[in-house]
Amino acid sequence: MCDDCECCDCFDQHSRFACGFCIGLAIIAAVAVIVVLVVGYGHAAQPRFDVEDASLARFALATTSPATTVSYNLTLTLAVRNPNWAMGATFRSLEADYLFDGQRFDRVDVAAPDYVLPARKTAVFRIASGADAVSVMLGSAGVKAYRRQSEKGVFDVEAALSGQVKYQLHSTWCRLEARCPLKLQLAGQDAAAVVFQKTTCELLRSSQRGC
């Protein structure tokens, strides 16, 4: 046993040890929280786009003067995934340009303005569009490409995605651009059916600071 003074010293030593241990745990916890916040909210991963299905019911080209026109009906199912595990994403706009031989023949809205996609979630958009006699700036090479592909009944159409997105706790609106090359068989063709293959869109890297 220790006398009163020795006991006081023992308790003081234990108290200092316990206090130091608690402070150490608090520092470790604070560092862990900071790391989680930096990892979760510091850098935003870009959304991912996949065309899960697409069909072409009509694709007709007319070269009558004064302009070349396209009449079409196209249905597209687009999956948009937010890969960030902590941050939701708000899309100010998200649109798709349809192109043939590099030339746009229509533009459609994919998501409503200010659409919010929560963290780690995937939204699926089904877009049905069509038009009659839409003007398209196809040159002679484009017309030849159309005629060549028309013989097979399979067309190379591109969906070019564009828009703006902002991530939770971030203040910058980031530009989005992605390209989705599609090989579409015209409905009702006698040739052997071409099963649509799921297409992962190529996301173009933004040079915008903070994105």
Protein backbone atom coordinates (compact mmCIF):
# COMPACT_ATOMS: atom_id res chain seq x y z
CA MET A 1 0.00 0.00 0.00
CA CYS A 2 1.06 3.57 -0.56
CA ASP A 3 0.62 6.48 1.80
CA ASP A 4 -1.61 9.43 0.98
CA CYS A 5 1.01 11.31 -1.03
CA GLU A 6 1.97 8.24 -3.03
CA CYS A 7 -1.69 7.53 -3.80
CA CYS A 8 -2.12 11.10 -5.06
CA ASP A 9 0.85 10.60 -7.39
CA CYS A 10 -0.62 7.30 -8.65
CA PHE A 11 -3.97 8.88 -9.42
CA ASP A 12 -2.31 11.82 -11.15
CA GLN A 13 -0.30 9.48 -13.37
CA HIS A 14 -3.38 7.46 -14.30
CA SER A 15 -5.34 10.64 -15.01
CA ARG A 16 -2.63 12.04 -17.23
CA PHE A 17 -2.42 8.75 -19.13
CA ALA A 18 -6.18 8.54 -19.58
CA CYS A 19 -6.35 12.18 -20.67
CA GLY A 20 -3.55 11.71 -23.17
CA PHE A 21 -5.21 8.57 -24.52
CA CYS A 22 -8.53 10.39 -25.00
CA ILE A 23 -6.80 13.31 -26.74
CA GLY A 24 -5.04 10.87 -29.06
CA LEU A 25 -8.32 9.18 -29.95
CA ALA A 26 -9.93 12.57 -30.57
CA ILE A 27 -7.10 13.58 -32.92
CA ILE A 28 -7.35 10.29 -34.83
CA ALA A 29 -11.14 10.68 -35.12
CA ALA A 30 -10.80 14.26 -36.36
CA VAL A 31 -8.22 13.22 -38.97
CA ALA A 32 -10.48 10.36 -40.09
CA VAL A 33 -13.43 12.73 -40.49
CA ILE A 34 -11.32 15.16 -42.51
CA VAL A 35 -10.08 12.34 -44.76
CA VAL A 36 -13.66 11.13 -45.32
CA LEU A 37 -14.84 14.64 -46.19
CA VAL A 38 -11.94 15.23 -48.56
CA VAL A 39 -12.38 11.88 -50.29
CA GLY A 40 -16.16 12.11 -50.40
CA TYR A 41 -16.60 15.75 -51.31
CA GLY A 42 -13.24 17.00 -52.56
CA HIS A 43 -13.09 15.39 -56.02
CA ALA A 44 -16.19 14.67 -58.07
CA ALA A 45 -16.25 11.74 -60.48
CA GLN A 46 -18.03 12.44 -63.76
CA PRO A 47 -21.37 10.74 -64.47
CA ARG A 48 -21.35 7.58 -66.57
CA PHE A 49 -23.60 7.09 -69.58
CA ASP A 50 -24.73 3.83 -71.22
CA VAL A 51 -27.17 3.34 -74.07
CA GLU A 52 -28.98 0.19 -72.96
CA ASP A 53 -31.29 -0.07 -75.95
CA ALA A 54 -32.09 1.79 -79.16
CA SER A 55 -34.35 1.23 -82.16
CA LEU A 56 -34.81 2.97 -85.49
CA ALA A 57 -38.30 2.77 -86.98
CA ARG A 58 -37.70 5.18 -89.85
CA PHE A 59 -34.68 6.82 -91.45
CA ALA A 60 -35.32 8.36 -94.85
CA LEU A 61 -33.12 10.82 -96.72
CA ALA A 62 -34.41 13.20 -99.38
CA THR A 63 -32.00 15.16 -101.56
CA THR A 64 -34.50 17.36 -103.35
CA SER A 65 -33.51 20.99 -103.90
CA PRO A 66 -32.82 23.29 -102.12
CA ALA A 67 -31.80 21.20 -99.08
CA THR A 68 -31.16 17.64 -97.98
CA THR A 69 -33.67 16.46 -95.36
CA VAL A 70 -34.06 13.51 -92.99
CA SER A 71 -37.29 11.95 -91.72
CA TYR A 72 -36.82 9.63 -88.78
CA ASN A 73 -38.23 7.90 -85.69
CA LEU A 74 -35.75 6.81 -83.02
CA THR A 75 -36.20 5.42 -79.53
CA LEU A 76 -33.28 5.37 -77.10
CA THR A 77 -32.90 4.11 -73.52
CA LEU A 78 -30.11 5.93 -71.71
CA ALA A 79 -28.78 5.03 -68.25
CA VAL A 80 -27.04 7.81 -66.32
CA ARG A 81 -25.09 6.80 -63.20
CA ASN A 82 -23.70 9.03 -60.47
CA PRO A 83 -20.61 7.10 -59.22
CA ASN A 84 -19.91 9.45 -56.30
CA TRP A 85 -20.66 7.75 -52.98
CA ALA A 86 -21.31 10.98 -51.05
CA MET A 87 -22.34 13.70 -53.52
CA GLY A 88 -25.58 14.16 -55.37
CA ALA A 89 -25.44 15.68 -58.87
CA THR A 90 -27.72 18.39 -60.25
CA PHE A 91 -28.06 18.62 -64.02
CA ARG A 92 -28.85 22.14 -65.17
CA SER A 93 -29.34 20.64 -68.63
CA LEU A 94 -28.77 17.33 -70.43
CA GLU A 95 -29.39 17.02 -74.16
CA ALA A 96 -28.61 14.62 -76.97
CA ASP A 97 -27.72 15.59 -80.53
CA TYR A 98 -28.39 12.92 -83.16
CA LEU A 99 -25.79 12.86 -85.90
CA PHE A 100 -25.31 11.01 -89.16
CA ASP A 101 -21.95 11.16 -90.89
CA GLY A 102 -20.91 13.81 -88.36
CA GLN A 103 -23.84 16.12 -89.13
CA ARG A 104 -26.62 16.87 -86.66
CA PHE A 105 -30.17 16.19 -87.76
CA ASP A 106 -31.98 16.68 -84.44
CA ARG A 107 -31.58 17.60 -80.76
CA VAL A 108 -33.67 16.19 -77.91
CA ASP A 109 -33.90 16.85 -74.17
CA VAL A 110 -32.81 13.94 -71.97
CA ALA A 111 -33.52 15.25 -68.46
CA ALA A 112 -35.68 18.07 -67.16
CA PRO A 113 -33.82 21.22 -66.04
CA ASP A 114 -32.26 20.98 -62.57
CA TYR A 115 -32.73 17.22 -62.42
CA VAL A 116 -31.12 15.79 -59.25
CA LEU A 117 -29.42 12.39 -59.31
CA PRO A 118 -28.56 11.16 -55.78
CA ALA A 119 -25.18 9.66 -54.93
CA ARG A 120 -24.57 6.08 -56.13
CA LYS A 121 -27.85 6.06 -58.06
CA THR A 122 -28.69 5.35 -61.70
CA ALA A 123 -31.48 7.06 -63.63
CA VAL A 124 -32.88 5.51 -66.81
CA PHE A 125 -34.35 7.80 -69.46
CA ARG A 126 -36.43 6.51 -72.38
CA ILE A 127 -36.39 9.04 -75.19
CA ALA A 128 -38.70 8.68 -78.18
CA SER A 129 -38.35 11.26 -80.92
CA GLY A 130 -39.05 11.76 -84.60
CA ALA A 131 -39.43 14.40 -87.26
CA ASP A 132 -40.40 14.88 -90.88
CA ALA A 133 -38.09 16.52 -93.39
CA VAL A 134 -35.50 17.88 -90.98
CA SER A 135 -32.79 19.83 -92.79
CA VAL A 136 -29.32 18.29 -92.52
CA MET A 137 -26.02 19.58 -93.92
CA LEU A 138 -24.88 16.38 -95.62
CA GLY A 139 -22.36 16.68 -98.42
CA SER A 140 -21.98 14.23 -101.27
CA ALA A 141 -19.90 11.92 -99.07
CA GLY A 142 -22.69 11.84 -96.50
CA VAL A 143 -25.31 11.04 -99.14
CA LYS A 144 -23.13 8.21 -100.45
CA ALA A 145 -22.71 6.88 -96.90
CA TYR A 146 -26.48 6.92 -96.45
CA ARG A 147 -27.09 5.02 -99.70
CA ARG A 148 -24.42 2.46 -98.85
CA GLN A 149 -25.81 1.84 -95.37
CA SER A 150 -29.39 1.87 -96.65
CA GLU A 151 -28.64 -1.17 -98.81
CA LYS A 152 -27.82 -3.14 -95.64
CA GLY A 153 -30.53 -1.53 -93.57
CA VAL A 154 -28.07 -0.76 -90.77
CA PHE A 155 -27.13 2.84 -90.00
CA ASP A 156 -24.31 4.39 -88.00
CA VAL A 157 -25.94 7.07 -85.88
CA GLU A 158 -24.26 8.96 -83.05
CA ALA A 159 -25.89 10.37 -79.93
CA ALA A 160 -23.72 13.25 -78.72
CA LEU A 161 -24.60 14.15 -75.13
CA SER A 162 -24.01 17.60 -73.69
CA GLY A 163 -25.06 19.55 -70.62
CA GLN A 164 -24.02 21.07 -67.32
CA VAL A 165 -23.74 19.42 -63.92
CA LYS A 166 -22.96 20.63 -60.39
CA TYR A 167 -22.06 18.43 -57.45
CA GLN A 168 -23.17 18.74 -53.84
CA LEU A 169 -21.06 21.27 -51.85
CA HIS A 170 -19.43 22.43 -55.10
CA SER A 171 -20.14 25.83 -56.64
CA THR A 172 -18.96 25.24 -60.22
CA TRP A 173 -21.24 24.17 -63.05
CA CYS A 174 -19.22 21.67 -65.10
CA ARG A 175 -19.68 21.13 -68.82
CA LEU A 176 -20.49 17.58 -69.89
CA GLU A 177 -19.79 16.00 -73.27
CA ALA A 178 -20.07 12.34 -74.23
CA ARG A 179 -20.26 10.45 -77.50
CA CYS A 180 -22.36 7.33 -77.99
CA PRO A 181 -21.80 5.59 -81.37
CA LEU A 182 -24.84 3.47 -82.30
CA LYS A 183 -25.31 0.81 -84.96
CA LEU A 184 -29.05 0.70 -85.64
CA GLN A 185 -30.99 -1.64 -87.87
CA LEU A 186 -33.98 -0.15 -89.58
CA ALA A 187 -37.16 -1.86 -88.40
CA GLY A 188 -38.86 -4.17 -90.90
CA GLN A 189 -35.75 -5.04 -92.90
CA ASP A 190 -35.60 -8.53 -94.42
CA ALA A 191 -31.95 -8.97 -93.53
CA ALA A 192 -30.95 -10.96 -90.47
CA ALA A 193 -31.79 -9.01 -87.36
CA VAL A 194 -28.96 -7.11 -85.70
CA VAL A 195 -29.32 -7.32 -81.93
CA PHE A 196 -28.52 -3.99 -80.34
CA GLN A 197 -25.42 -4.13 -78.18
CA LYS A 198 -25.29 -2.06 -75.00
CA THR A 199 -23.04 0.92 -75.70
CA THR A 200 -20.88 2.66 -73.12
CA CYS A 201 -20.55 6.30 -74.09
CA GLU A 202 -17.13 7.93 -74.29
CA LEU A 203 -16.93 10.79 -71.83
CA LEU A 204 -14.84 13.66 -73.13
CA ARG A 205 -12.49 15.10 -70.52
CA SER A 206 -13.29 18.67 -69.55
CA SER A 207 -10.51 21.25 -69.46
CA GLN A 208 -12.65 23.44 -67.22
CA ARG A 209 -10.99 24.27 -63.89
CA GLY A 210 -12.58 22.61 -60.89
CA CYS A 211 -14.29 19.90 -62.96
